[in-house]
């Protein structure tokens, strides 16, 4: 199975990074502007992007402030049963974030390439870093209409 891995250094303490991963207002400030649900232990989150890409994540691991894990339970077929793990460690007065997306089912190379998941995670983890360090992220914009 394929795995997406990213590492990012963020000049903020682990508690702040963990908070940006586990509160609906913060998630909507860096990933997509339309997030609903419960980001706490055992909670379920719905993320709205566009078309048929609207993942629903179950919070399956919640080890504040060091580890968070989601499982995709609905909303996008290619991510069905995938796990998404955020591990946080202290680093030089800030935080090192290690992200992993583990695919539950093998996709074709064309699917991986056409969906650009690896690129998108890099973009949105940089948006997370910017949000935490400057107060402004670059989430996917969903209009209020």
Protein backbone atom coordinates (compact mmCIF):
# COMPACT_ATOMS: atom_id res chain seq x y z
CA UNK A 1 0.00 0.00 0.00
CA UNK A 2 1.07 3.57 -0.60
CA UNK A 3 1.84 5.97 2.21
CA UNK A 4 2.11 9.75 2.09
CA UNK A 5 4.61 11.18 4.55
CA UNK A 6 5.36 14.83 5.32
CA UNK A 7 7.42 16.52 8.02
CA UNK A 8 7.03 20.17 8.95
CA UNK A 9 8.73 22.33 11.56
CA UNK A 10 6.40 24.90 13.11
CA UNK A 11 7.58 27.72 15.35
CA UNK A 12 4.82 27.17 17.89
CA UNK A 13 4.51 24.87 20.92
CA UNK A 14 2.95 21.41 20.56
CA UNK A 15 -0.19 22.50 22.44
CA UNK A 16 -0.88 25.20 19.84
CA UNK A 17 -0.30 22.81 16.94
CA UNK A 18 -2.47 20.16 18.55
CA UNK A 19 -5.20 22.77 19.05
CA UNK A 20 -5.08 23.67 15.35
CA UNK A 21 -5.70 19.99 14.54
CA UNK A 22 -8.46 19.43 17.08
CA UNK A 23 -10.82 22.41 16.96
CA UNK A 24 -13.33 23.10 14.21
CA UNK A 25 -12.56 26.85 13.90
CA UNK A 26 -8.82 26.16 13.54
CA UNK A 27 -9.32 23.32 11.03
CA UNK A 28 -11.41 25.70 8.91
CA UNK A 29 -8.60 28.26 9.04
CA UNK A 30 -6.04 26.02 7.30
CA UNK A 31 -7.64 23.02 5.50
CA UNK A 32 -11.08 23.95 4.16
CA UNK A 33 -13.33 26.79 5.24
CA UNK A 34 -16.31 24.45 5.75
CA UNK A 35 -15.77 22.02 8.63
CA UNK A 36 -18.51 20.63 10.86
CA UNK A 37 -18.66 18.07 13.62
CA UNK A 38 -16.73 17.10 16.73
CA UNK A 39 -12.91 17.16 16.67
CA UNK A 40 -12.54 15.55 20.10
CA UNK A 41 -11.86 11.92 21.07
CA UNK A 42 -14.21 9.61 19.15
CA UNK A 43 -15.72 12.56 17.28
CA UNK A 44 -16.63 12.75 13.61
CA UNK A 45 -15.68 15.63 11.31
CA UNK A 46 -17.05 16.51 7.88
CA UNK A 47 -14.79 18.49 5.54
CA UNK A 48 -16.39 20.12 2.48
CA UNK A 49 -14.26 20.81 -0.57
CA UNK A 50 -15.88 20.49 -4.00
CA UNK A 51 -17.71 17.95 -6.10
CA UNK A 52 -17.54 14.47 -4.61
CA UNK A 53 -14.44 15.14 -2.47
CA UNK A 54 -15.89 15.72 1.00
CA UNK A 55 -14.14 13.42 3.49
CA UNK A 56 -15.73 12.45 6.78
CA UNK A 57 -13.14 11.61 9.43
CA UNK A 58 -13.61 9.64 12.63
CA UNK A 59 -11.18 10.64 15.41
CA UNK A 60 -9.68 7.25 16.34
CA UNK A 61 -6.59 8.41 18.26
CA UNK A 62 -6.34 11.41 20.56
CA UNK A 63 -3.15 11.67 22.60
CA UNK A 64 -2.94 15.35 23.53
CA UNK A 65 -0.67 17.12 22.79
CA UNK A 66 1.46 14.60 20.90
CA UNK A 67 -0.64 12.41 18.61
CA UNK A 68 -3.87 12.55 16.59
CA UNK A 69 -5.29 9.96 14.23
CA UNK A 70 -8.28 10.05 11.92
CA UNK A 71 -9.90 7.33 9.82
CA UNK A 72 -11.85 8.29 6.70
CA UNK A 73 -15.31 6.74 7.10
CA UNK A 74 -17.27 8.44 4.31
CA UNK A 75 -17.30 11.16 1.68
CA UNK A 76 -14.53 10.12 -0.70
CA UNK A 77 -14.18 6.60 -2.09
CA UNK A 78 -10.41 6.77 -2.71
CA UNK A 79 -9.81 7.52 1.00
CA UNK A 80 -12.22 4.90 2.40
CA UNK A 81 -10.70 3.39 5.58
CA UNK A 82 -7.44 5.35 5.14
CA UNK A 83 -5.78 6.54 8.33
CA UNK A 84 -4.25 9.98 8.83
CA UNK A 85 -1.78 10.41 11.67
CA UNK A 86 -0.27 13.59 13.08
CA UNK A 87 2.65 13.06 15.47
CA UNK A 88 4.03 16.10 17.28
CA UNK A 89 7.40 16.45 19.01
CA UNK A 90 9.25 19.35 20.60
CA UNK A 91 11.97 20.77 18.35
CA UNK A 92 14.12 23.88 18.83
CA UNK A 93 11.49 25.74 20.84
CA UNK A 94 8.75 24.78 18.38
CA UNK A 95 7.17 21.61 17.06
CA UNK A 96 8.09 18.99 14.52
CA UNK A 97 4.94 17.62 12.90
CA UNK A 98 5.15 14.20 11.24
CA UNK A 99 2.16 13.41 9.04
CA UNK A 100 1.27 10.01 7.54
CA UNK A 101 -1.61 8.98 5.32
CA UNK A 102 -1.86 5.19 5.08
CA UNK A 103 -3.94 3.92 2.17
CA UNK A 104 -6.27 1.03 3.03
CA UNK A 105 -6.61 0.00 -0.64
CA UNK A 106 -4.13 0.21 -3.46
CA UNK A 107 -4.95 2.76 -6.17
CA UNK A 108 -3.48 2.89 -9.64
CA UNK A 109 -0.47 5.14 -10.21
CA UNK A 110 -2.68 7.27 -12.45
CA UNK A 111 -5.18 7.73 -9.59
CA UNK A 112 -2.42 8.79 -7.19
CA UNK A 113 -1.04 11.18 -9.80
CA UNK A 114 -4.34 12.65 -10.95
CA UNK A 115 -5.68 13.31 -7.46
CA UNK A 116 -2.42 15.00 -6.37
CA UNK A 117 -2.90 13.95 -2.75
CA UNK A 118 0.80 14.20 -1.93
CA UNK A 119 1.03 17.72 -3.34
CA UNK A 120 -2.21 18.78 -1.65
CA UNK A 121 -1.07 17.58 1.77
CA UNK A 122 2.17 19.52 1.36
CA UNK A 123 0.17 22.63 0.46
CA UNK A 124 -2.25 22.31 3.37
CA UNK A 125 0.41 21.45 5.95
CA UNK A 126 2.20 24.62 4.85
CA UNK A 127 -1.13 26.41 5.29
CA UNK A 128 -1.26 24.98 8.84
CA UNK A 129 2.25 26.27 9.53
CA UNK A 130 1.36 29.72 8.19
CA UNK A 131 -1.86 29.81 10.21
CA UNK A 132 0.00 28.99 13.41
CA UNK A 133 2.94 31.32 12.81
CA UNK A 134 1.17 34.32 11.22
CA UNK A 135 -2.52 33.90 12.07
CA UNK A 136 -3.51 33.42 8.41
CA UNK A 137 -3.67 30.07 6.61
CA UNK A 138 -4.69 29.28 3.03
CA UNK A 139 -7.67 26.91 3.38
CA UNK A 140 -9.74 25.66 0.47
CA UNK A 141 -12.39 28.39 0.03
CA UNK A 142 -16.04 27.31 0.22
CA UNK A 143 -18.56 30.11 -0.31
CA UNK A 144 -21.30 30.59 2.28
CA UNK A 145 -23.99 30.31 -0.41
